[in-house]
PDB file of N, CA and C in Angstrom:
ATOM      1  N   MET A   1     228.630 107.062  16.780  1.00  0.00           N
ATOM      2  CA  MET A   1     228.790 106.454  18.336  1.00  0.00           C
ATOM      3  C   MET A   1     228.753 105.029  18.053  1.00  0.00           C
ATOM      4  N   LYS A   2     229.529 104.282  19.002  1.00  0.00           N
ATOM      5  CA  LYS A   2     229.422 102.713  18.612  1.00  0.00           C
ATOM      6  C   LYS A   2     228.414 102.193  19.104  1.00  0.00           C
ATOM      7  N   ARG A   3     227.680 101.018  18.417  1.00  0.00           N
ATOM      8  CA  ARG A   3     226.449 100.334  18.829  1.00  0.00           C
ATOM      9  C   ARG A   3     226.986  99.225  19.624  1.00  0.00           C
ATOM     10  N   LEU A   4     226.044  99.301  21.023  1.00  0.00           N
ATOM     11  CA  LEU A   4     226.498  98.206  21.781  1.00  0.00           C
ATOM     12  C   LEU A   4     225.659  97.015  21.608  1.00  0.00           C
ATOM     13  N   SER A   5     226.023  95.953  21.775  1.00  0.00           N
ATOM     14  CA  SER A   5     225.183  94.617  22.070  1.00  0.00           C
ATOM     15  C   SER A   5     224.395  94.618  23.060  1.00  0.00           C
ATOM     16  N   PRO A   6     223.417  93.726  23.175  1.00  0.00           N
ATOM     17  CA  PRO A   6     222.601  93.668  24.356  1.00  0.00           C
ATOM     18  C   PRO A   6     223.584  93.199  25.471  1.00  0.00           C
ATOM     19  N   ARG A   7     224.420  92.125  25.152  1.00  0.00           N
ATOM     20  CA  ARG A   7     225.249  91.543  25.900  1.00  0.00           C
ATOM     21  C   ARG A   7     226.176  92.341  26.594  1.00  0.00           C
ATOM     22  N   ASP A   8     226.940  93.241  25.714  1.00  0.00           N
ATOM     23  CA  ASP A   8     227.810  94.763  26.217  1.00  0.00           C
ATOM     24  C   ASP A   8     227.040  95.557  27.371  1.00  0.00           C
ATOM     25  N   LEU A   9     225.629  95.556  26.748  1.00  0.00           N
ATOM     26  CA  LEU A   9     225.011  97.002  27.634  1.00  0.00           C
ATOM     27  C   LEU A   9     224.873  96.313  29.009  1.00  0.00           C
ATOM     28  N   ARG A  10     224.334  94.930  28.913  1.00  0.00           N
ATOM     29  CA  ARG A  10     224.029  94.363  30.321  1.00  0.00           C
ATOM     30  C   ARG A  10     225.392  94.192  31.245  1.00  0.00           C
ATOM     31  N   ARG A  11     226.326  93.885  30.709  1.00  0.00           N
ATOM     32  CA  ARG A  11     227.653  94.009  31.339  1.00  0.00           C
ATOM     33  C   ARG A  11     227.975  95.476  31.977  1.00  0.00           C
ATOM     34  N   MET A  12     227.931  96.413  31.349  1.00  0.00           N
ATOM     35  CA  MET A  12     228.213  97.927  31.519  1.00  0.00           C
ATOM     36  C   MET A  12     227.118  98.206  32.748  1.00  0.00           C
ATOM     37  N   MET A  13     225.943  97.463  32.679  1.00  0.00           N
ATOM     38  CA  MET A  13     224.964  97.980  33.808  1.00  0.00           C
ATOM     39  C   MET A  13     225.461  97.245  35.176  1.00  0.00           C
ATOM     40  N   ASP A  14     225.709  96.189  34.854  1.00  0.00           N
ATOM     41  CA  ASP A  14     226.292  95.503  35.761  1.00  0.00           C
ATOM     42  C   ASP A  14     227.423  96.123  36.624  1.00  0.00           C
ATOM     43  N   ARG A  15     228.350  96.593  35.754  1.00  0.00           N
ATOM     44  CA  ARG A  15     229.533  97.018  36.457  1.00  0.00           C
ATOM     45  C   ARG A  15     229.260  98.527  37.049  1.00  0.00           C
ATOM     46  N   LEU A  16     228.099  99.459  36.748  1.00  0.00           N
ATOM     47  CA  LEU A  16     227.350 100.544  37.162  1.00  0.00           C
ATOM     48  C   LEU A  16     226.649 100.582  38.390  1.00  0.00           C
ATOM     49  N   GLY A  17     226.052  98.979  38.586  1.00  0.00           N
ATOM     50  CA  GLY A  17     225.226  98.604  39.870  1.00  0.00           C
ATOM     51  C   GLY A  17     223.781  99.131  39.602  1.00  0.00           C
ATOM     52  N   VAL A  18     223.249  98.768  38.115  1.00  0.00           N
ATOM     53  CA  VAL A  18     221.987  99.354  37.649  1.00  0.00           C
ATOM     54  C   VAL A  18     221.336  97.880  37.308  1.00  0.00           C
ATOM     55  N   SER A  19     220.109  97.398  37.779  1.00  0.00           N
ATOM     56  CA  SER A  19     219.723  96.050  37.665  1.00  0.00           C
ATOM     57  C   SER A  19     218.087  96.390  36.986  1.00  0.00           C
ATOM     58  N   ALA A  20     217.900  95.787  35.706  1.00  0.00           N
ATOM     59  CA  ALA A  20     216.598  96.388  35.755  1.00  0.00           C
ATOM     60  C   ALA A  20     215.815  95.038  35.281  1.00  0.00           C
ATOM     61  N   LYS A  21     214.295  95.052  36.075  1.00  0.00           N
ATOM     62  CA  LYS A  21     213.467  94.216  35.785  1.00  0.00           C
ATOM     63  C   LYS A  21     212.185  95.026  35.228  1.00  0.00           C
ATOM     64  N   PRO A  22     211.328  94.140  33.886  1.00  0.00           N
ATOM     65  CA  PRO A  22     210.280  94.397  33.627  1.00  0.00           C
ATOM     66  C   PRO A  22     209.028  94.075  34.668  1.00  0.00           C
ATOM     67  N   ILE A  23     208.121  95.057  34.667  1.00  0.00           N
ATOM     68  CA  ILE A  23     206.974  94.568  35.501  1.00  0.00           C
ATOM     69  C   ILE A  23     205.918  94.194  34.398  1.00  0.00           C
ATOM     70  N   PRO A  24     205.441  92.896  34.561  1.00  0.00           N
ATOM     71  CA  PRO A  24     204.716  92.409  33.642  1.00  0.00           C
ATOM     72  C   PRO A  24     203.044  92.729  33.760  1.00  0.00           C
ATOM     73  N   GLU A  25     202.590  92.556  32.768  1.00  0.00           N
ATOM     74  CA  GLU A  25     201.022  93.085  32.748  1.00  0.00           C
ATOM     75  C   GLU A  25     200.403  94.359  33.428  1.00  0.00           C
ATOM     76  N   VAL A  26     201.097  95.271  33.238  1.00  0.00           N
ATOM     77  CA  VAL A  26     200.391  96.705  33.400  1.00  0.00           C
ATOM     78  C   VAL A  26     199.575  97.201  32.570  1.00  0.00           C
ATOM     79  N   SER A  27     198.360  97.344  32.846  1.00  0.00           N
ATOM     80  CA  SER A  27     197.160  97.964  31.944  1.00  0.00           C
ATOM     81  C   SER A  27     197.130  99.664  31.946  1.00  0.00           C
ATOM     82  N   GLU A  28     197.745 100.160  32.820  1.00  0.00           N
ATOM     83  CA  GLU A  28     197.927 101.744  32.582  1.00  0.00           C
ATOM     84  C   GLU A  28     198.700 102.118  33.977  1.00  0.00           C
ATOM     85  N   ALA A  29     199.095 103.301  33.483  1.00  0.00           N
ATOM     86  CA  ALA A  29     200.187 103.971  34.323  1.00  0.00           C
ATOM     87  C   ALA A  29     199.189 105.469  34.646  1.00  0.00           C
ATOM     88  N   VAL A  30     199.291 105.866  35.406  1.00  0.00           N
ATOM     89  CA  VAL A  30     198.318 107.307  35.914  1.00  0.00           C
ATOM     90  C   VAL A  30     199.295 108.161  36.927  1.00  0.00           C
ATOM     91  N   PHE A  31     199.218 109.388  36.211  1.00  0.00           N
ATOM     92  CA  PHE A  31     200.089 110.247  36.513  1.00  0.00           C
ATOM     93  C   PHE A  31     199.308 111.536  37.472  1.00  0.00           C
ATOM     94  N   ARG A  32     199.245 111.550  38.492  1.00  0.00           N
ATOM     95  CA  ARG A  32     198.309 112.563  38.919  1.00  0.00           C
ATOM     96  C   ARG A  32     198.915 114.055  39.468  1.00  0.00           C
ATOM     97  N   LEU A  33     198.543 115.011  38.823  1.00  0.00           N
ATOM     98  CA  LEU A  33     198.999 116.384  38.564  1.00  0.00           C
ATOM     99  C   LEU A  33     198.037 117.262  39.184  1.00  0.00           C
ATOM    100  N   PRO A  34     198.411 118.536  39.794  1.00  0.00           N
ATOM    101  CA  PRO A  34     197.313 119.555  40.183  1.00  0.00           C
ATOM    102  C   PRO A  34     196.347 119.559  39.106  1.00  0.00           C
ATOM    103  N   GLY A  35     195.025 119.467  39.029  1.00  0.00           N
ATOM    104  CA  GLY A  35     193.878 119.481  38.143  1.00  0.00           C
ATOM    105  C   GLY A  35     193.959 118.814  37.082  1.00  0.00           C
ATOM    106  N   LYS A  36     194.622 117.774  36.672  1.00  0.00           N
ATOM    107  CA  LYS A  36     194.513 116.617  35.486  1.00  0.00           C
ATOM    108  C   LYS A  36     195.267 115.443  36.282  1.00  0.00           C
ATOM    109  N   GLU A  37     195.229 114.610  35.156  1.00  0.00           N
ATOM    110  CA  GLU A  37     195.828 113.184  35.410  1.00  0.00           C
ATOM    111  C   GLU A  37     196.043 112.886  33.675  1.00  0.00           C
ATOM    112  N   LEU A  38     197.433 112.333  33.551  1.00  0.00           N
ATOM    113  CA  LEU A  38     198.043 111.806  32.573  1.00  0.00           C
ATOM    114  C   LEU A  38     197.823 110.268  32.638  1.00  0.00           C
ATOM    115  N   VAL A  39     197.281 109.554  31.583  1.00  0.00           N
ATOM    116  CA  VAL A  39     196.927 108.182  31.871  1.00  0.00           C
ATOM    117  C   VAL A  39     197.929 107.671  30.493  1.00  0.00           C
ATOM    118  N   VAL A  40     198.857 106.724  30.695  1.00  0.00           N
ATOM    119  CA  VAL A  40     199.561 105.957  29.581  1.00  0.00           C
ATOM    120  C   VAL A  40     198.696 104.522  29.415  1.00  0.00           C
ATOM    121  N   ARG A  41     198.195 103.872  28.347  1.00  0.00           N
ATOM    122  CA  ARG A  41     197.606 102.688  28.101  1.00  0.00           C
ATOM    123  C   ARG A  41     198.551 101.557  27.925  1.00  0.00           C
ATOM    124  N   ASN A  42     198.339 100.576  28.373  1.00  0.00           N
ATOM    125  CA  ASN A  42     199.216  99.362  28.161  1.00  0.00           C
ATOM    126  C   ASN A  42     200.723  99.710  27.851  1.00  0.00           C
ATOM    127  N   PRO A  43     201.329 100.309  29.018  1.00  0.00           N
ATOM    128  CA  PRO A  43     202.739 100.812  28.877  1.00  0.00           C
ATOM    129  C   PRO A  43     203.369  99.597  29.174  1.00  0.00           C
ATOM    130  N   MET A  44     205.068  99.706  28.715  1.00  0.00           N
ATOM    131  CA  MET A  44     206.131  98.618  29.071  1.00  0.00           C
ATOM    132  C   MET A  44     206.844  99.577  30.320  1.00  0.00           C
ATOM    133  N   VAL A  45     206.344  98.928  31.523  1.00  0.00           N
ATOM    134  CA  VAL A  45     207.082  99.415  32.885  1.00  0.00           C
ATOM    135  C   VAL A  45     208.127  98.538  33.374  1.00  0.00           C
ATOM    136  N   THR A  46     209.390  99.275  33.519  1.00  0.00           N
ATOM    137  CA  THR A  46     210.601  98.635  33.794  1.00  0.00           C
ATOM    138  C   THR A  46     211.045  99.323  35.110  1.00  0.00           C
ATOM    139  N   LEU A  47     211.568  98.586  36.178  1.00  0.00           N
ATOM    140  CA  LEU A  47     212.084  98.730  37.503  1.00  0.00           C
ATOM    141  C   LEU A  47     213.232  99.142  37.631  1.00  0.00           C
ATOM    142  N   LEU A  48     213.964  99.866  37.416  1.00  0.00           N
ATOM    143  CA  LEU A  48     215.723 100.133  37.344  1.00  0.00           C
ATOM    144  C   LEU A  48     215.970 100.359  38.758  1.00  0.00           C
ATOM    145  N   ASP A  49     216.726  99.665  39.569  1.00  0.00           N
ATOM    146  CA  ASP A  49     217.652  99.732  40.463  1.00  0.00           C
ATOM    147  C   ASP A  49     218.918 100.120  40.718  1.00  0.00           C
ATOM    148  N   PHE A  50     219.056 101.387  40.623  1.00  0.00           N
ATOM    149  CA  PHE A  50     220.421 101.986  40.957  1.00  0.00           C
ATOM    150  C   PHE A  50     220.566 102.500  42.538  1.00  0.00           C
ATOM    151  N   GLN A  51     221.963 102.152  42.772  1.00  0.00           N
ATOM    152  CA  GLN A  51     222.135 102.583  43.749  1.00  0.00           C
ATOM    153  C   GLN A  51     221.295 102.714  44.988  1.00  0.00           C
ATOM    154  N   GLY A  52     220.467 101.894  45.254  1.00  0.00           N
ATOM    155  CA  GLY A  52     219.207 101.708  46.242  1.00  0.00           C
ATOM    156  C   GLY A  52     218.161 102.788  46.028  1.00  0.00           C
ATOM    157  N   GLN A  53     218.029 103.516  44.882  1.00  0.00           N
ATOM    158  CA  GLN A  53     217.002 104.123  44.430  1.00  0.00           C
ATOM    159  C   GLN A  53     216.227 103.386  43.260  1.00  0.00           C
ATOM    160  N   LYS A  54     215.225 103.566  43.563  1.00  0.00           N
ATOM    161  CA  LYS A  54     214.044 102.541  42.578  1.00  0.00           C
ATOM    162  C   LYS A  54     213.572 103.615  41.442  1.00  0.00           C
ATOM    163  N   ILE A  55     214.002 103.574  40.040  1.00  0.00           N
ATOM    164  CA  ILE A  55     213.349 104.337  39.098  1.00  0.00           C
ATOM    165  C   ILE A  55     212.203 103.471  38.132  1.00  0.00           C
ATOM    166  N   PHE A  56     211.354 104.128  38.026  1.00  0.00           N
ATOM    167  CA  PHE A  56     210.203 103.330  36.814  1.00  0.00           C
ATOM    168  C   PHE A  56     210.102 104.091  35.764  1.00  0.00           C
ATOM    169  N   GLN A  57     210.600 103.327  34.707  1.00  0.00           N
ATOM    170  CA  GLN A  57     210.353 103.552  33.231  1.00  0.00           C
ATOM    171  C   GLN A  57     209.466 103.222  32.922  1.00  0.00           C
ATOM    172  N   VAL A  58     208.487 104.272  32.402  1.00  0.00           N
ATOM    173  CA  VAL A  58     207.151 103.823  31.437  1.00  0.00           C
ATOM    174  C   VAL A  58     207.033 104.383  30.353  1.00  0.00           C
ATOM    175  N   VAL A  59     206.982 103.353  29.440  1.00  0.00           N
ATOM    176  CA  VAL A  59     207.215 103.411  27.821  1.00  0.00           C
ATOM    177  C   VAL A  59     205.733 103.231  27.227  1.00  0.00           C
ATOM    178  N   GLY A  60     205.137 104.347  26.481  1.00  0.00           N
ATOM    179  CA  GLY A  60     203.850 103.832  25.896  1.00  0.00           C
ATOM    180  C   GLY A  60     203.324 105.074  24.603  1.00  0.00           C
ATOM    181  N   GLU A  61     202.786 104.413  23.970  1.00  0.00           N
ATOM    182  CA  GLU A  61     202.292 105.641  22.772  1.00  0.00           C
ATOM    183  C   GLU A  61     201.188 106.304  22.809  1.00  0.00           C
ATOM    184  N   SER A  62     200.358 105.910  23.610  1.00  0.00           N
ATOM    185  CA  SER A  62     199.384 106.767  23.903  1.00  0.00           C
ATOM    186  C   SER A  62     199.222 107.512  25.040  1.00  0.00           C
ATOM    187  N   VAL A  63     199.202 109.112  25.166  1.00  0.00           N
ATOM    188  CA  VAL A  63     198.679 109.400  26.676  1.00  0.00           C
ATOM    189  C   VAL A  63     197.668 110.227  26.586  1.00  0.00           C
ATOM    190  N   GLU A  64     196.846 109.924  27.366  1.00  0.00           N
ATOM    191  CA  GLU A  64     195.497 110.763  27.691  1.00  0.00           C
ATOM    192  C   GLU A  64     195.276 111.744  28.786  1.00  0.00           C
ATOM    193  N   GLU A  65     194.900 112.819  28.439  1.00  0.00           N
ATOM    194  CA  GLU A  65     194.833 113.858  29.451  1.00  0.00           C
ATOM    195  C   GLU A  65     193.306 113.526  29.977  1.00  0.00           C
ATOM    196  N   ARG A  66     193.136 113.777  31.315  1.00  0.00           N
ATOM    197  CA  ARG A  66     192.025 113.888  31.886  1.00  0.00           C
ATOM    198  C   ARG A  66     191.629 114.509  33.135  1.00  0.00           C
ATOM    199  N   ALA A  67     190.405 115.002  33.887  1.00  0.00           N
ATOM    200  CA  ALA A  67     190.085 115.588  35.030  1.00  0.00           C
ATOM    201  C   ALA A  67     190.340 114.480  35.794  1.00  0.00           C
ATOM    202  N   PRO A  68     190.859 115.161  37.171  1.00  0.00           N
ATOM    203  CA  PRO A  68     191.145 113.980  37.912  1.00  0.00           C
ATOM    204  C   PRO A  68     189.486 113.477  38.492  1.00  0.00           C
ATOM    205  N   THR A  69     189.854 111.941  38.785  1.00  0.00           N
ATOM    206  CA  THR A  69     188.560 111.090  39.317  1.00  0.00           C
ATOM    207  C   THR A  69     188.394 111.812  40.711  1.00  0.00           C
ATOM    208  N   VAL A  70     187.079 111.605  40.899  1.00  0.00           N
ATOM    209  CA  VAL A  70     186.444 111.793  42.126  1.00  0.00           C
ATOM    210  C   VAL A  70     187.237 111.044  43.265  1.00  0.00           C
ATOM    211  N   GLU A  71     187.380 109.998  43.159  1.00  0.00           N
ATOM    212  CA  GLU A  71     188.243 109.158  43.948  1.00  0.00           C
ATOM    213  C   GLU A  71     189.590 109.725  44.433  1.00  0.00           C
ATOM    214  N   ALA A  72     190.182 110.105  43.279  1.00  0.00           N
ATOM    215  CA  ALA A  72     191.471 110.780  43.751  1.00  0.00           C
ATOM    216  C   ALA A  72     191.442 112.308  44.022  1.00  0.00           C
ATOM    217  N   ALA A  73     190.128 112.914  43.832  1.00  0.00           N
ATOM    218  CA  ALA A  73     189.996 114.336  44.339  1.00  0.00           C
ATOM    219  C   ALA A  73     189.734 114.400  45.709  1.00  0.00           C
ATOM    220  N   SER A  74     189.242 113.259  46.190  1.00  0.00           N
ATOM    221  CA  SER A  74     188.742 113.495  47.697  1.00  0.00           C
ATOM    222  C   SER A  74     189.502 112.532  48.451  1.00  0.00           C
ATOM    223  N   GLU A  75     190.448 111.926  48.242  1.00  0.00           N
ATOM    224  CA  GLU A  75     191.450 111.319  48.867  1.00  0.00           C
ATOM    225  C   GLU A  75     192.264 112.276  49.756  1.00  0.00           C
ATOM    226  N   LYS A  76     191.987 112.098  51.252  1.00  0.00           N
ATOM    227  CA  LYS A  76     192.786 112.527  52.297  1.00  0.00           C
ATOM    228  C   LYS A  76     194.026 112.509  52.580  1.00  0.00           C
ATOM    229  N   PRO A  77     195.277 112.929  52.541  1.00  0.00           N
ATOM    230  CA  PRO A  77     196.520 112.646  52.893  1.00  0.00           C
ATOM    231  C   PRO A  77     196.440 111.645  54.452  1.00  0.00           C
ATOM    232  N   ALA A  78     197.277 110.425  54.319  1.00  0.00           N
ATOM    233  CA  ALA A  78     197.498 109.672  55.141  1.00  0.00           C
ATOM    234  C   ALA A  78     198.593 110.576  56.245  1.00  0.00           C
ATOM    235  N   ILE A  79     197.932 110.665  57.515  1.00  0.00           N
ATOM    236  CA  ILE A  79     198.869 111.651  58.395  1.00  0.00           C
ATOM    237  C   ILE A  79     199.368 110.450  59.548  1.00  0.00           C
ATOM    238  N   PRO A  80     200.535 110.129  59.389  1.00  0.00           N
ATOM    239  CA  PRO A  80     201.546 109.276  60.625  1.00  0.00           C
ATOM    240  C   PRO A  80     201.164 109.919  61.865  1.00  0.00           C
ATOM    241  N   GLU A  81     201.066 108.664  62.653  1.00  0.00           N
ATOM    242  CA  GLU A  81     200.933 109.008  63.974  1.00  0.00           C
ATOM    243  C   GLU A  81     202.085 109.761  64.772  1.00  0.00           C
ATOM    244  N   GLU A  82     203.558 109.730  64.310  1.00  0.00           N
ATOM    245  CA  GLU A  82     204.482 110.731  64.851  1.00  0.00           C
ATOM    246  C   GLU A  82     203.873 111.952  64.578  1.00  0.00           C
ATOM    247  N   ASP A  83     203.080 112.207  63.456  1.00  0.00           N
ATOM    248  CA  ASP A  83     203.263 113.848  63.261  1.00  0.00           C
ATOM    249  C   ASP A  83     202.183 114.214  63.933  1.00  0.00           C
ATOM    250  N   VAL A  84     200.928 113.396  64.340  1.00  0.00           N
ATOM    251  CA  VAL A  84     200.071 113.722  65.544  1.00  0.00           C
ATOM    252  C   VAL A  84     200.720 113.845  66.459  1.00  0.00           C
ATOM    253  N   SER A  85     201.479 113.021  67.285  1.00  0.00           N
ATOM    254  CA  SER A  85     202.018 113.323  68.714  1.00  0.00           C
ATOM    255  C   SER A  85     202.969 114.473  68.345  1.00  0.00           C
ATOM    256  N   LEU A  86     203.531 114.662  67.412  1.00  0.00           N
ATOM    257  CA  LEU A  86     204.544 115.895  67.364  1.00  0.00           C
ATOM    258  C   LEU A  86     203.515 117.013  67.674  1.00  0.00           C
ATOM    259  N   VAL A  87     202.874 117.582  66.713  1.00  0.00           N
ATOM    260  CA  VAL A  87     202.186 118.268  66.992  1.00  0.00           C
ATOM    261  C   VAL A  87     201.409 118.857  68.165  1.00  0.00           C
ATOM    262  N   ALA A  88     200.769 117.543  68.509  1.00  0.00           N
ATOM    263  CA  ALA A  88     200.044 117.681  69.946  1.00  0.00           C
ATOM    264  C   ALA A  88     201.177 117.742  71.006  1.00  0.00           C
ATOM    265  N   SER A  89     202.257 117.571  71.258  1.00  0.00           N
ATOM    266  CA  SER A  89     203.168 117.847  72.260  1.00  0.00           C
ATOM    267  C   SER A  89     203.711 119.353  71.759  1.00  0.00           C
ATOM    268  N   GLN A  90     203.954 119.805  70.419  1.00  0.00           N
ATOM    269  CA  GLN A  90     204.347 121.352  70.603  1.00  0.00           C
ATOM    270  C   GLN A  90     203.331 122.173  70.725  1.00  0.00           C
ATOM    271  N   ALA A  91     202.023 121.937  70.429  1.00  0.00           N
ATOM    272  CA  ALA A  91     200.997 122.870  70.443  1.00  0.00           C
ATOM    273  C   ALA A  91     200.207 122.724  72.166  1.00  0.00           C
ATOM    274  N   GLY A  92     200.687 121.671  72.392  1.00  0.00           N
ATOM    275  CA  GLY A  92     199.791 121.494  74.229  1.00  0.00           C
ATOM    276  C   GLY A  92     198.553 120.895  73.921  1.00  0.00           C
ATOM    277  N   VAL A  93     198.438 120.179  72.891  1.00  0.00           N
ATOM    278  CA  VAL A  93     196.710 120.011  72.915  1.00  0.00           C
ATOM    279  C   VAL A  93     196.370 118.492  72.670  1.00  0.00           C
ATOM    280  N   SER A  94     195.230 117.845  72.438  1.00  0.00           N
ATOM    281  CA  SER A  94     195.317 116.613  72.406  1.00  0.00           C
ATOM    282  C   SER A  94     195.599 115.881  71.153  1.00  0.00           C
ATOM    283  N   LEU A  95     195.324 114.586  70.993  1.00  0.00           N
ATOM    284  CA  LEU A  95     195.929 113.972  69.994  1.00  0.00           C
ATOM    285  C   LEU A  95     194.947 114.179  68.869  1.00  0.00           C
ATOM    286  N   GLU A  96     193.376 114.511  69.111  1.00  0.00           N
ATOM    287  CA  GLU A  96     192.434 114.617  68.104  1.00  0.00           C
ATOM    288  C   GLU A  96     192.317 115.733  67.721  1.00  0.00           C
ATOM    289  N   GLU A  97     192.567 116.932  68.421  1.00  0.00           N
ATOM    290  CA  GLU A  97     192.644 118.243  67.975  1.00  0.00           C
ATOM    291  C   GLU A  97     193.982 118.435  66.903  1.00  0.00           C
ATOM    292  N   ALA A  98     195.168 117.810  67.083  1.00  0.00           N
ATOM    293  CA  ALA A  98     196.199 117.884  66.321  1.00  0.00           C
ATOM    294  C   ALA A  98     196.131 117.005  64.800  1.00  0.00           C
ATOM    295  N   ARG A  99     195.124 115.950  65.124  1.00  0.00           N
ATOM    296  CA  ARG A  99     195.017 115.303  63.801  1.00  0.00           C
ATOM    297  C   ARG A  99     194.030 115.976  63.128  1.00  0.00           C
ATOM    298  N   GLU A 100     193.039 116.930  63.565  1.00  0.00           N
ATOM    299  CA  GLU A 100     192.257 118.145  62.916  1.00  0.00           C
ATOM    300  C   GLU A 100     192.977 118.980  62.149  1.00  0.00           C
ATOM    301  N   ALA A 101     193.919 119.297  63.040  1.00  0.00           N
ATOM    302  CA  ALA A 101     194.670 120.603  62.587  1.00  0.00           C
ATOM    303  C   ALA A 101     195.538 120.164  61.370  1.00  0.00           C
ATOM    304  N   LEU A 102     195.841 118.752  61.321  1.00  0.00           N
ATOM    305  CA  LEU A 102     196.827 118.602  60.240  1.00  0.00           C
ATOM    306  C   LEU A 102     196.020 118.065  59.321  1.00  0.00           C
ATOM    307  N   GLU A 103     195.049 117.689  59.638  1.00  0.00           N
ATOM    308  CA  GLU A 103     194.153 117.654  58.275  1.00  0.00           C
ATOM    309  C   GLU A 103     193.634 118.712  57.343  1.00  0.00           C
ATOM    310  N   GLU A 104     193.176 119.724  58.364  1.00  0.00           N
ATOM    311  CA  GLU A 104     193.172 121.090  57.919  1.00  0.00           C
ATOM    312  C   GLU A 104     194.050 121.671  56.974  1.00  0.00           C
ATOM    313  N   THR A 105     195.188 121.311  57.280  1.00  0.00           N
ATOM    314  CA  THR A 105     196.457 122.077  57.000  1.00  0.00           C
ATOM    315  C   THR A 105     196.942 120.929  55.551  1.00  0.00           C
ATOM    316  N   GLY A 106     196.431 119.974  55.417  1.00  0.00           N
ATOM    317  CA  GLY A 106     197.033 119.122  54.559  1.00  0.00           C
ATOM    318  C   GLY A 106     198.428 118.422  55.160  1.00  0.00           C
ATOM    319  N   GLY A 107     198.719 118.161  55.972  1.00  0.00           N
ATOM    320  CA  GLY A 107     199.675 117.259  56.557  1.00  0.00           C
ATOM    321  C   GLY A 107     200.835 118.054  57.010  1.00  0.00           C
ATOM    322  N   ASP A 108     200.814 119.748  56.703  1.00  0.00           N
ATOM    323  CA  ASP A 108     201.918 120.559  56.970  1.00  0.00           C
ATOM    324  C   ASP A 108     202.059 120.962  58.556  1.00  0.00           C
ATOM    325  N   LEU A 109     202.883 120.051  59.231  1.00  0.00           N
ATOM    326  CA  LEU A 109     203.490 120.199  60.908  1.00  0.00           C
ATOM    327  C   LEU A 109     203.766 121.567  60.936  1.00  0.00           C
ATOM    328  N   ALA A 110     204.307 122.666  60.451  1.00  0.00           N
ATOM    329  CA  ALA A 110     204.624 123.840  60.952  1.00  0.00           C
ATOM    330  C   ALA A 110     203.172 124.659  60.841  1.00  0.00           C
ATOM    331  N   GLN A 111     202.338 124.343  59.795  1.00  0.00           N
ATOM    332  CA  GLN A 111     200.988 125.256  59.751  1.00  0.00           C
ATOM    333  C   GLN A 111     200.223 124.717  60.720  1.00  0.00           C
ATOM    334  N   ALA A 112     200.168 123.528  61.236  1.00  0.00           N
ATOM    335  CA  ALA A 112     199.084 122.854  61.902  1.00  0.00           C
ATOM    336  C   ALA A 112     199.552 123.472  63.455  1.00  0.00           C
ATOM    337  N   ILE A 113     200.783 123.590  63.855  1.00  0.00           N
ATOM    338  CA  ILE A 113     201.073 123.803  64.980  1.00  0.00           C
ATOM    339  C   ILE A 113     200.925 125.291  65.536  1.00  0.00           C
ATOM    340  N   LEU A 114     201.126 126.389  64.177  1.00  0.00           N
ATOM    341  CA  LEU A 114     200.910 127.458  63.927  1.00  0.00           C
ATOM    342  C   LEU A 114     199.085 127.951  64.412  1.00  0.00           C
ATOM    343  N   LEU A 115     198.768 127.220  63.407  1.00  0.00           N
ATOM    344  CA  LEU A 115     197.028 127.021  63.770  1.00  0.00           C
ATOM    345  C   LEU A 115     196.754 127.017  64.933  1.00  0.00           C
ATOM    346  N   LEU A 116     197.054 125.768  65.809  1.00  0.00           N
ATOM    347  CA  LEU A 116     196.695 125.726  67.140  1.00  0.00           C
ATOM    348  C   LEU A 116     196.992 126.443  67.982  1.00  0.00           C
ATOM    349  N   ALA A 117     198.098 127.156  67.740  1.00  0.00           N
ATOM    350  CA  ALA A 117     198.585 128.093  68.767  1.00  0.00           C
ATOM    351  C   ALA A 117     198.153 129.251  68.706  1.00  0.00           C
ATOM    352  N   SER A 118     197.339 129.745  67.404  1.00  0.00           N
ATOM    353  CA  SER A 118     196.714 130.893  67.311  1.00  0.00           C
ATOM    354  C   SER A 118     195.168 130.634  67.979  1.00  0.00           C
ATOM    355  N   LYS A 119     194.797 129.553  67.499  1.00  0.00           N
ATOM    356  CA  LYS A 119     193.582 129.424  68.239  1.00  0.00           C
ATOM    357  C   LYS A 119     193.413 129.603  70.010  1.00  0.00           C
ATOM    358  N   ARG A 120     194.848 129.169  70.647  1.00  0.00           N
ATOM    359  CA  ARG A 120     194.601 129.339  72.032  1.00  0.00           C
ATOM    360  C   ARG A 120     194.756 130.438  72.726  1.00  0.00           C
ATOM    361  N   ARG A 121     195.209 131.700  71.749  1.00  0.00           N
ATOM    362  CA  ARG A 121     195.570 132.951  72.170  1.00  0.00           C
ATOM    363  C   ARG A 121     193.858 133.432  72.284  1.00  0.00           C
TER     364      ARG A 121
END
């Protein structure tokens, strides 16, 4: 395989529409998975912009597994107002009842509507 010089690589990326920008001073990258977190300490992070999609490239030597932090475990999903109003109009309930149903179902619109419909019977 032919080796590419940095200049040739940059030209090829420009032709493909890929731009790469390093993100400086990142102290750690945390990936939250169900039941655990992966932590990369002192990573080199690069933001690749490819045809409107943003790709984060994380390169690091040490990866640490740990249990989810209390802060991450207790976070409630942010529920958009559009979702609340949609559930309220579909189920024929108040906005507050719709918000409670969405929180109970973890933001799942269909489940929230079904839950509210079953309560009304």
